[in-house]
Amino acid sequence: MKTSVLFNKVVKSAAMLLMMSLILAMFTGCDKESVTTDEFKTLASEKGLACTDAVEQFAAYDFIKEVTIAVPSDSSYQIEFYVLSDSSNAKSFFETNRTNFDMNKGKDFIDDSKDGGNYGRYWLNSNGKYMFVEYIDNTVLYVNTEESNQSTIEAFVKELKY
């Protein structure tokens, strides 16, 4: 009888540990896989966007290694893709832009954010503008455009798997 009581305690403890591990995993988020500049350019080209290398505009910032800007033929919006020196710079870049977006919030707005192990995402609709920033590892995707372009941007971001 002592053995079965001990066995039950071990099974209950193991089950409790498993449940706690699963709950912790749900709240800590999963990692996402970043894309390369070439992968960004390929998708942008497939969507009819012209890509420009804009790293020289950021020459004063040695932590910014690559900048590609994708623009449709009517120049109605642009999607900016950054490669930074490391993930801590990407997270800082993300936080700075998120703060800038928040500073331009009107009294009527909709926003949402999500954070995971190696990424952070934030979007905001306010004053007729759609603002989006996300970092994954050492990359950042940035958009600040008219709200009318939101569905196009969201479809691009989804296909990019960001």
N, C-alpha and C. Protein backbone atom coordinates (compact mmCIF):
# COMPACT_ATOMS: atom_id res chain seq x y z
N MET A 1 0.82 -1.18 0.00
CA MET A 1 0.00 0.00 0.00
C MET A 1 0.87 1.25 0.00
N LYS A 2 2.00 1.24 0.70
CA LYS A 2 2.89 2.38 0.72
C LYS A 2 3.39 2.71 -0.68
N THR A 3 3.65 1.69 -1.48
CA THR A 3 4.17 1.88 -2.82
C THR A 3 3.15 2.61 -3.69
N SER A 4 1.87 2.25 -3.63
CA SER A 4 0.86 2.88 -4.47
C SER A 4 0.65 4.35 -4.07
N VAL A 5 0.75 4.66 -2.77
CA VAL A 5 0.62 6.05 -2.32
C VAL A 5 1.79 6.87 -2.86
N LEU A 6 2.98 6.33 -2.76
CA LEU A 6 4.16 7.00 -3.29
C LEU A 6 4.05 7.18 -4.80
N PHE A 7 3.60 6.15 -5.50
CA PHE A 7 3.43 6.20 -6.95
C PHE A 7 2.43 7.29 -7.32
N ASN A 8 1.30 7.38 -6.61
CA ASN A 8 0.28 8.41 -6.88
C ASN A 8 0.86 9.81 -6.68
N LYS A 9 1.66 10.00 -5.65
CA LYS A 9 2.27 11.31 -5.41
C LYS A 9 3.23 11.68 -6.54
N VAL A 10 4.00 10.71 -7.01
CA VAL A 10 4.95 10.95 -8.10
C VAL A 10 4.19 11.32 -9.38
N VAL A 11 3.13 10.57 -9.67
CA VAL A 11 2.33 10.83 -10.88
C VAL A 11 1.69 12.21 -10.79
N LYS A 12 1.12 12.55 -9.63
CA LYS A 12 0.49 13.87 -9.45
C LYS A 12 1.53 14.98 -9.58
N SER A 13 2.69 14.79 -9.01
CA SER A 13 3.75 15.79 -9.10
C SER A 13 4.21 15.97 -10.54
N ALA A 14 4.36 14.87 -11.26
CA ALA A 14 4.78 14.94 -12.66
C ALA A 14 3.73 15.64 -13.51
N ALA A 15 2.46 15.34 -13.26
CA ALA A 15 1.37 15.98 -14.01
C ALA A 15 1.33 17.48 -13.72
N MET A 16 1.53 17.86 -12.47
CA MET A 16 1.53 19.27 -12.10
C MET A 16 2.70 20.00 -12.75
N LEU A 17 3.86 19.38 -12.77
CA LEU A 17 5.04 19.97 -13.39
C LEU A 17 4.81 20.15 -14.90
N LEU A 18 4.21 19.17 -15.53
CA LEU A 18 3.92 19.25 -16.96
C LEU A 18 2.94 20.39 -17.25
N MET A 19 1.90 20.51 -16.44
CA MET A 19 0.92 21.59 -16.63
C MET A 19 1.57 22.95 -16.44
N MET A 20 2.40 23.10 -15.44
CA MET A 20 3.07 24.37 -15.20
C MET A 20 4.00 24.71 -16.36
N SER A 21 4.68 23.73 -16.90
CA SER A 21 5.58 23.94 -18.04
C SER A 21 4.80 24.41 -19.27
N LEU A 22 3.65 23.79 -19.52
CA LEU A 22 2.83 24.18 -20.65
C LEU A 22 2.30 25.60 -20.49
N ILE A 23 1.85 25.95 -19.31
CA ILE A 23 1.36 27.30 -19.05
C ILE A 23 2.47 28.31 -19.22
N LEU A 24 3.64 28.03 -18.71
CA LEU A 24 4.78 28.92 -18.87
C LEU A 24 5.14 29.10 -20.34
N ALA A 25 5.10 28.03 -21.10
CA ALA A 25 5.42 28.11 -22.53
C ALA A 25 4.40 28.98 -23.26
N MET A 26 3.13 28.91 -22.87
CA MET A 26 2.10 29.74 -23.51
C MET A 26 2.35 31.22 -23.26
N PHE A 27 2.80 31.58 -22.07
CA PHE A 27 2.97 32.98 -21.72
C PHE A 27 4.31 33.56 -22.15
N THR A 28 5.29 32.75 -22.40
CA THR A 28 6.59 33.29 -22.80
C THR A 28 6.67 33.47 -24.31
N GLY A 29 5.78 32.93 -25.07
CA GLY A 29 5.77 33.12 -26.51
C GLY A 29 6.77 32.23 -27.20
N CYS A 30 6.59 32.12 -28.48
CA CYS A 30 7.49 31.30 -29.28
C CYS A 30 8.38 32.22 -30.10
N ASP A 31 9.51 31.70 -30.48
CA ASP A 31 10.41 32.46 -31.34
C ASP A 31 9.86 32.47 -32.76
N LYS A 32 10.20 33.53 -33.48
CA LYS A 32 9.87 33.64 -34.89
C LYS A 32 11.17 33.64 -35.67
N GLU A 33 11.09 33.28 -36.93
CA GLU A 33 12.27 33.25 -37.77
C GLU A 33 12.31 34.51 -38.62
N SER A 34 13.43 35.22 -38.57
CA SER A 34 13.58 36.43 -39.37
C SER A 34 13.88 36.06 -40.82
N VAL A 35 13.73 37.03 -41.70
CA VAL A 35 14.06 36.84 -43.10
C VAL A 35 15.31 37.66 -43.43
N THR A 36 15.89 37.36 -44.56
CA THR A 36 17.06 38.11 -45.03
C THR A 36 16.60 39.27 -45.91
N THR A 37 17.51 40.16 -46.19
CA THR A 37 17.22 41.26 -47.11
C THR A 37 16.82 40.71 -48.48
N ASP A 38 17.51 39.69 -48.95
CA ASP A 38 17.17 39.10 -50.25
C ASP A 38 15.76 38.52 -50.26
N GLU A 39 15.35 37.86 -49.18
CA GLU A 39 13.99 37.32 -49.10
C GLU A 39 12.96 38.45 -49.09
N PHE A 40 13.26 39.53 -48.38
CA PHE A 40 12.37 40.70 -48.37
C PHE A 40 12.25 41.27 -49.78
N LYS A 41 13.38 41.47 -50.46
CA LYS A 41 13.39 42.02 -51.81
C LYS A 41 12.64 41.12 -52.80
N THR A 42 12.81 39.82 -52.66
CA THR A 42 12.13 38.88 -53.56
C THR A 42 10.63 39.01 -53.44
N LEU A 43 10.10 39.00 -52.21
CA LEU A 43 8.66 39.12 -52.02
C LEU A 43 8.18 40.49 -52.51
N ALA A 44 8.91 41.53 -52.18
CA ALA A 44 8.52 42.88 -52.62
C ALA A 44 8.43 42.94 -54.14
N SER A 45 9.42 42.38 -54.81
CA SER A 45 9.42 42.38 -56.29
C SER A 45 8.24 41.58 -56.84
N GLU A 46 7.95 40.44 -56.20
CA GLU A 46 6.80 39.64 -56.63
C GLU A 46 5.49 40.41 -56.49
N LYS A 47 5.44 41.33 -55.54
CA LYS A 47 4.23 42.14 -55.31
C LYS A 47 4.24 43.43 -56.11
N GLY A 48 5.24 43.58 -56.99
CA GLY A 48 5.30 44.76 -57.84
C GLY A 48 5.88 46.00 -57.18
N LEU A 49 6.59 45.80 -56.08
CA LEU A 49 7.20 46.92 -55.38
C LEU A 49 8.64 47.11 -55.84
N ALA A 50 9.05 48.35 -55.99
CA ALA A 50 10.43 48.66 -56.35
C ALA A 50 11.24 48.80 -55.06
N CYS A 51 12.41 48.18 -55.03
CA CYS A 51 13.25 48.20 -53.82
C CYS A 51 14.44 49.13 -54.03
N THR A 52 14.73 49.89 -52.99
CA THR A 52 15.85 50.81 -53.00
C THR A 52 16.70 50.56 -51.77
N ASP A 53 18.01 50.56 -51.97
CA ASP A 53 18.95 50.47 -50.85
C ASP A 53 19.09 51.87 -50.26
N ALA A 54 18.75 52.02 -48.99
CA ALA A 54 18.76 53.33 -48.35
C ALA A 54 19.72 53.41 -47.17
N VAL A 55 20.67 52.50 -47.08
CA VAL A 55 21.57 52.46 -45.93
C VAL A 55 22.37 53.75 -45.79
N GLU A 56 22.69 54.41 -46.91
CA GLU A 56 23.48 55.64 -46.84
C GLU A 56 22.76 56.75 -46.08
N GLN A 57 21.43 56.73 -46.06
CA GLN A 57 20.66 57.72 -45.31
C GLN A 57 20.89 57.58 -43.80
N PHE A 58 21.40 56.42 -43.39
CA PHE A 58 21.59 56.13 -41.97
C PHE A 58 23.07 55.94 -41.63
N ALA A 59 23.93 56.53 -42.42
CA ALA A 59 25.39 56.35 -42.26
C ALA A 59 25.87 56.78 -40.88
N ALA A 60 25.19 57.71 -40.25
CA ALA A 60 25.59 58.17 -38.91
C ALA A 60 25.33 57.14 -37.82
N TYR A 61 24.56 56.12 -38.14
CA TYR A 61 24.21 55.08 -37.16
C TYR A 61 24.94 53.79 -37.51
N ASP A 62 26.05 53.54 -36.85
CA ASP A 62 26.87 52.38 -37.21
C ASP A 62 26.20 51.04 -36.90
N PHE A 63 25.15 51.02 -36.09
CA PHE A 63 24.46 49.78 -35.78
C PHE A 63 23.46 49.39 -36.86
N ILE A 64 23.16 50.29 -37.81
CA ILE A 64 22.27 49.98 -38.92
C ILE A 64 23.12 49.48 -40.08
N LYS A 65 22.98 48.21 -40.40
CA LYS A 65 23.83 47.56 -41.40
C LYS A 65 23.22 47.56 -42.80
N GLU A 66 21.90 47.40 -42.91
CA GLU A 66 21.23 47.37 -44.20
C GLU A 66 19.86 48.02 -44.05
N VAL A 67 19.45 48.75 -45.10
CA VAL A 67 18.11 49.33 -45.15
C VAL A 67 17.59 49.17 -46.57
N THR A 68 16.44 48.55 -46.69
CA THR A 68 15.78 48.40 -47.99
C THR A 68 14.38 48.97 -47.88
N ILE A 69 14.04 49.84 -48.82
CA ILE A 69 12.71 50.44 -48.84
C ILE A 69 11.98 49.95 -50.08
N ALA A 70 10.79 49.38 -49.87
CA ALA A 70 9.96 48.86 -50.96
C ALA A 70 8.76 49.80 -51.16
N VAL A 71 8.55 50.21 -52.42
CA VAL A 71 7.52 51.21 -52.74
C VAL A 71 6.75 50.76 -53.98
N PRO A 72 5.40 50.89 -53.96
CA PRO A 72 4.63 50.57 -55.17
C PRO A 72 4.80 51.69 -56.22
N SER A 73 4.37 51.43 -57.43
CA SER A 73 4.56 52.40 -58.52
C SER A 73 3.84 53.72 -58.27
N ASP A 74 2.75 53.70 -57.50
CA ASP A 74 2.04 54.96 -57.22
C ASP A 74 2.57 55.68 -55.97
N SER A 75 3.61 55.12 -55.35
CA SER A 75 4.25 55.70 -54.15
C SER A 75 3.26 55.98 -53.01
N SER A 76 2.21 55.17 -52.92
CA SER A 76 1.19 55.39 -51.90
C SER A 76 1.62 54.97 -50.49
N TYR A 77 2.67 54.17 -50.40
CA TYR A 77 3.20 53.75 -49.11
C TYR A 77 4.62 53.25 -49.32
N GLN A 78 5.31 53.01 -48.21
CA GLN A 78 6.60 52.34 -48.30
C GLN A 78 6.76 51.40 -47.11
N ILE A 79 7.43 50.30 -47.37
CA ILE A 79 7.73 49.31 -46.34
C ILE A 79 9.24 49.32 -46.17
N GLU A 80 9.68 49.57 -44.95
CA GLU A 80 11.11 49.68 -44.67
C GLU A 80 11.58 48.43 -43.94
N PHE A 81 12.68 47.87 -44.42
CA PHE A 81 13.27 46.67 -43.82
C PHE A 81 14.69 46.99 -43.40
N TYR A 82 14.98 46.78 -42.12
CA TYR A 82 16.28 47.11 -41.54
C TYR A 82 16.97 45.84 -41.04
N VAL A 83 18.27 45.78 -41.24
CA VAL A 83 19.11 44.77 -40.60
C VAL A 83 20.06 45.55 -39.70
N LEU A 84 20.01 45.23 -38.41
CA LEU A 84 20.85 45.92 -37.44
C LEU A 84 21.97 45.01 -36.96
N SER A 85 22.91 45.57 -36.24
CA SER A 85 24.10 44.82 -35.84
C SER A 85 23.79 43.65 -34.91
N ASP A 86 22.74 43.77 -34.08
CA ASP A 86 22.37 42.68 -33.18
C ASP A 86 20.94 42.86 -32.71
N SER A 87 20.44 41.87 -31.99
CA SER A 87 19.04 41.88 -31.57
C SER A 87 18.75 42.95 -30.52
N SER A 88 19.72 43.30 -29.69
CA SER A 88 19.46 44.35 -28.68
C SER A 88 19.27 45.70 -29.36
N ASN A 89 20.02 45.97 -30.43
CA ASN A 89 19.80 47.20 -31.18
C ASN A 89 18.46 47.18 -31.91
N ALA A 90 18.07 46.02 -32.41
CA ALA A 90 16.78 45.90 -33.08
C ALA A 90 15.64 46.16 -32.09
N LYS A 91 15.76 45.60 -30.91
CA LYS A 91 14.71 45.82 -29.89
C LYS A 91 14.65 47.29 -29.49
N SER A 92 15.78 47.93 -29.33
CA SER A 92 15.83 49.35 -28.98
C SER A 92 15.22 50.20 -30.10
N PHE A 93 15.56 49.88 -31.35
CA PHE A 93 15.02 50.57 -32.52
C PHE A 93 13.50 50.42 -32.54
N PHE A 94 13.02 49.21 -32.27
CA PHE A 94 11.59 48.93 -32.19
C PHE A 94 10.93 49.77 -31.10
N GLU A 95 11.49 49.77 -29.91
CA GLU A 95 10.91 50.51 -28.78
C GLU A 95 10.87 52.01 -29.06
N THR A 96 11.92 52.55 -29.68
CA THR A 96 11.96 53.97 -30.02
C THR A 96 10.84 54.32 -30.98
N ASN A 97 10.65 53.50 -32.00
CA ASN A 97 9.59 53.77 -32.98
C ASN A 97 8.21 53.56 -32.39
N ARG A 98 8.07 52.58 -31.53
CA ARG A 98 6.78 52.38 -30.85
C ARG A 98 6.44 53.61 -30.01
N THR A 99 7.41 54.14 -29.29
CA THR A 99 7.20 55.35 -28.49
C THR A 99 6.83 56.52 -29.39
N ASN A 100 7.51 56.66 -30.51
CA ASN A 100 7.18 57.74 -31.46
C ASN A 100 5.76 57.62 -31.98
N PHE A 101 5.33 56.40 -32.30
CA PHE A 101 3.95 56.19 -32.73
C PHE A 101 2.99 56.61 -31.63
N ASP A 102 3.26 56.18 -30.41
CA ASP A 102 2.37 56.49 -29.28
C ASP A 102 2.28 58.00 -29.03
N MET A 103 3.36 58.71 -29.28
CA MET A 103 3.35 60.16 -29.07
C MET A 103 2.44 60.87 -30.08
N ASN A 104 2.16 60.22 -31.20
CA ASN A 104 1.29 60.80 -32.23
C ASN A 104 -0.13 60.26 -32.19
N LYS A 105 -0.46 59.53 -31.12
CA LYS A 105 -1.79 58.97 -30.96
C LYS A 105 -2.81 60.09 -30.76
N GLY A 106 -3.92 59.97 -31.46
CA GLY A 106 -5.03 60.87 -31.22
C GLY A 106 -5.90 60.32 -30.11
N LYS A 107 -7.01 61.02 -29.83
CA LYS A 107 -7.88 60.52 -28.75
C LYS A 107 -8.65 59.27 -29.17
N ASP A 108 -8.86 59.10 -30.47
CA ASP A 108 -9.50 57.89 -30.99
C ASP A 108 -8.44 57.05 -31.68
N PHE A 109 -8.22 55.86 -31.16
CA PHE A 109 -7.19 55.00 -31.75
C PHE A 109 -7.49 53.55 -31.45
N ILE A 110 -6.85 52.69 -32.24
CA ILE A 110 -6.87 51.24 -32.01
C ILE A 110 -5.42 50.80 -32.11
N ASP A 111 -4.97 50.02 -31.14
CA ASP A 111 -3.61 49.51 -31.20
C ASP A 111 -3.53 48.11 -30.62
N ASP A 112 -2.44 47.44 -30.91
CA ASP A 112 -2.24 46.10 -30.38
C ASP A 112 -0.74 45.80 -30.40
N SER A 113 -0.34 44.94 -29.50
CA SER A 113 1.07 44.56 -29.46
C SER A 113 1.19 43.09 -29.10
N LYS A 114 2.33 42.54 -29.46
CA LYS A 114 2.62 41.15 -29.12
C LYS A 114 4.12 41.03 -28.93
N ASP A 115 4.51 40.34 -27.90
CA ASP A 115 5.93 40.12 -27.63
C ASP A 115 6.17 38.63 -27.47
N GLY A 116 7.31 38.19 -27.96
CA GLY A 116 7.70 36.79 -27.82
C GLY A 116 9.16 36.71 -27.46
N GLY A 117 9.71 35.54 -27.58
CA GLY A 117 11.08 35.31 -27.19
C GLY A 117 12.09 36.17 -27.93
N ASN A 118 11.97 36.26 -29.25
CA ASN A 118 12.95 37.00 -30.05
C ASN A 118 12.29 38.07 -30.92
N TYR A 119 11.07 38.48 -30.57
CA TYR A 119 10.38 39.46 -31.40
C TYR A 119 9.43 40.33 -30.58
N GLY A 120 9.05 41.44 -31.21
CA GLY A 120 8.04 42.32 -30.68
C GLY A 120 7.30 42.94 -31.85
N ARG A 121 6.00 43.10 -31.72
CA ARG A 121 5.17 43.67 -32.79
C ARG A 121 4.24 44.72 -32.19
N TYR A 122 4.07 45.82 -32.91
CA TYR A 122 3.14 46.86 -32.48
C TYR A 122 2.51 47.50 -33.70
N TRP A 123 1.20 47.71 -33.65
CA TRP A 123 0.54 48.48 -34.70
C TRP A 123 -0.45 49.44 -34.07
N LEU A 124 -0.71 50.51 -34.80
CA LEU A 124 -1.58 51.57 -34.30
C LEU A 124 -2.34 52.18 -35.47
N ASN A 125 -3.65 52.37 -35.28
CA ASN A 125 -4.48 53.16 -36.18
C ASN A 125 -4.89 54.40 -35.42
N SER A 126 -4.56 55.57 -35.97
CA SER A 126 -4.93 56.82 -35.32
C SER A 126 -4.82 57.97 -36.32
N ASN A 127 -5.76 58.88 -36.26
CA ASN A 127 -5.75 60.08 -37.11
C ASN A 127 -5.59 59.74 -38.60
N GLY A 128 -6.23 58.65 -39.04
CA GLY A 128 -6.18 58.28 -40.44
C GLY A 128 -4.88 57.60 -40.86
N LYS A 129 -4.02 57.29 -39.90
CA LYS A 129 -2.73 56.67 -40.20
C LYS A 129 -2.70 55.23 -39.70
N TYR A 130 -1.93 54.40 -40.40
CA TYR A 130 -1.64 53.04 -39.97
C TYR A 130 -0.14 52.97 -39.74
N MET A 131 0.25 52.60 -38.54
CA MET A 131 1.65 52.53 -38.17
C MET A 131 1.95 51.12 -37.67
N PHE A 132 3.05 50.56 -38.13
CA PHE A 132 3.40 49.19 -37.82
C PHE A 132 4.90 49.10 -37.64
N VAL A 133 5.33 48.41 -36.60
CA VAL A 133 6.75 48.12 -36.42
C VAL A 133 6.88 46.75 -35.77
N GLU A 134 7.83 45.96 -36.27
CA GLU A 134 8.10 44.65 -35.69
C GLU A 134 9.58 44.35 -35.82
N TYR A 135 10.12 43.77 -34.76
CA TYR A 135 11.49 43.28 -34.86
C TYR A 135 11.48 41.77 -34.63
N ILE A 136 12.36 41.09 -35.35
CA ILE A 136 12.63 39.67 -35.14
C ILE A 136 14.15 39.55 -35.20
N ASP A 137 14.71 39.02 -34.14
CA ASP A 137 16.17 38.92 -34.04
C ASP A 137 16.80 40.29 -34.29
N ASN A 138 17.62 40.41 -35.33
CA ASN A 138 18.29 41.69 -35.59
C ASN A 138 17.68 42.44 -36.78
N THR A 139 16.43 42.11 -37.14
CA THR A 139 15.76 42.78 -38.25
C THR A 139 14.55 43.56 -37.75
N VAL A 140 14.19 44.62 -38.50
CA VAL A 140 13.02 45.43 -38.16
C VAL A 140 12.25 45.71 -39.44
N LEU A 141 10.93 45.60 -39.35
CA LEU A 141 10.02 45.98 -40.43
C LEU A 141 9.24 47.19 -39.93
N TYR A 142 9.18 48.26 -40.73
CA TYR A 142 8.60 49.53 -40.29
C TYR A 142 7.69 50.09 -41.39
N VAL A 143 6.50 50.55 -40.99
CA VAL A 143 5.57 51.20 -41.92
C VAL A 143 4.86 52.33 -41.19
N ASN A 144 4.73 53.46 -41.87
CA ASN A 144 3.93 54.58 -41.38
C ASN A 144 3.24 55.15 -42.61
N THR A 145 1.94 54.87 -42.76
CA THR A 145 1.23 55.19 -44.00
C THR A 145 -0.22 55.57 -43.70
N GLU A 146 -0.95 55.84 -44.75
CA GLU A 146 -2.38 56.12 -44.61
C GLU A 146 -3.11 54.83 -44.26
N GLU A 147 -4.17 54.99 -43.47
CA GLU A 147 -4.95 53.83 -43.03
C GLU A 147 -5.51 53.03 -44.20
N SER A 148 -5.74 53.67 -45.32
CA SER A 148 -6.29 52.98 -46.50
C SER A 148 -5.35 51.91 -47.05
N ASN A 149 -4.08 51.94 -46.68
CA ASN A 149 -3.11 50.95 -47.14
C ASN A 149 -2.96 49.77 -46.17
N GLN A 150 -3.69 49.78 -45.07
CA GLN A 150 -3.49 48.79 -44.02
C GLN A 150 -3.64 47.35 -44.52
N SER A 151 -4.70 47.05 -45.24
CA SER A 151 -4.92 45.65 -45.65
C SER A 151 -3.82 45.17 -46.59
N THR A 152 -3.32 46.04 -47.45
CA THR A 152 -2.21 45.68 -48.35
C THR A 152 -0.96 45.37 -47.55
N ILE A 153 -0.67 46.22 -46.56
CA ILE A 153 0.52 46.03 -45.72
C ILE A 153 0.37 44.74 -44.91
N GLU A 154 -0.79 44.53 -44.31
CA GLU A 154 -1.00 43.33 -43.51
C GLU A 154 -0.83 42.05 -44.35
N ALA A 155 -1.30 42.07 -45.58
CA ALA A 155 -1.16 40.90 -46.45
C ALA A 155 0.33 40.65 -46.76
N PHE A 156 1.07 41.72 -47.01
CA PHE A 156 2.51 41.60 -47.26
C PHE A 156 3.22 41.03 -46.05
N VAL A 157 2.94 41.58 -44.88
CA VAL A 157 3.58 41.14 -43.63
C VAL A 157 3.26 39.67 -43.36
N LYS A 158 2.02 39.28 -43.59
CA LYS A 158 1.62 37.89 -43.38
C LYS A 158 2.38 36.96 -44.32
N GLU A 159 2.48 37.36 -45.58
CA GLU A 159 3.19 36.52 -46.54
C GLU A 159 4.70 36.45 -46.24
N LEU A 160 5.22 37.53 -45.67
CA LEU A 160 6.62 37.56 -45.27
C LEU A 160 6.85 36.71 -44.02
N LYS A 161 5.75 36.36 -43.35
CA LYS A 161 5.75 35.57 -42.11
C LYS A 161 6.32 36.36 -40.95
N TYR A 162 6.02 37.65 -40.95
CA TYR A 162 6.42 38.50 -39.82
C TYR A 162 5.24 38.71 -38.92
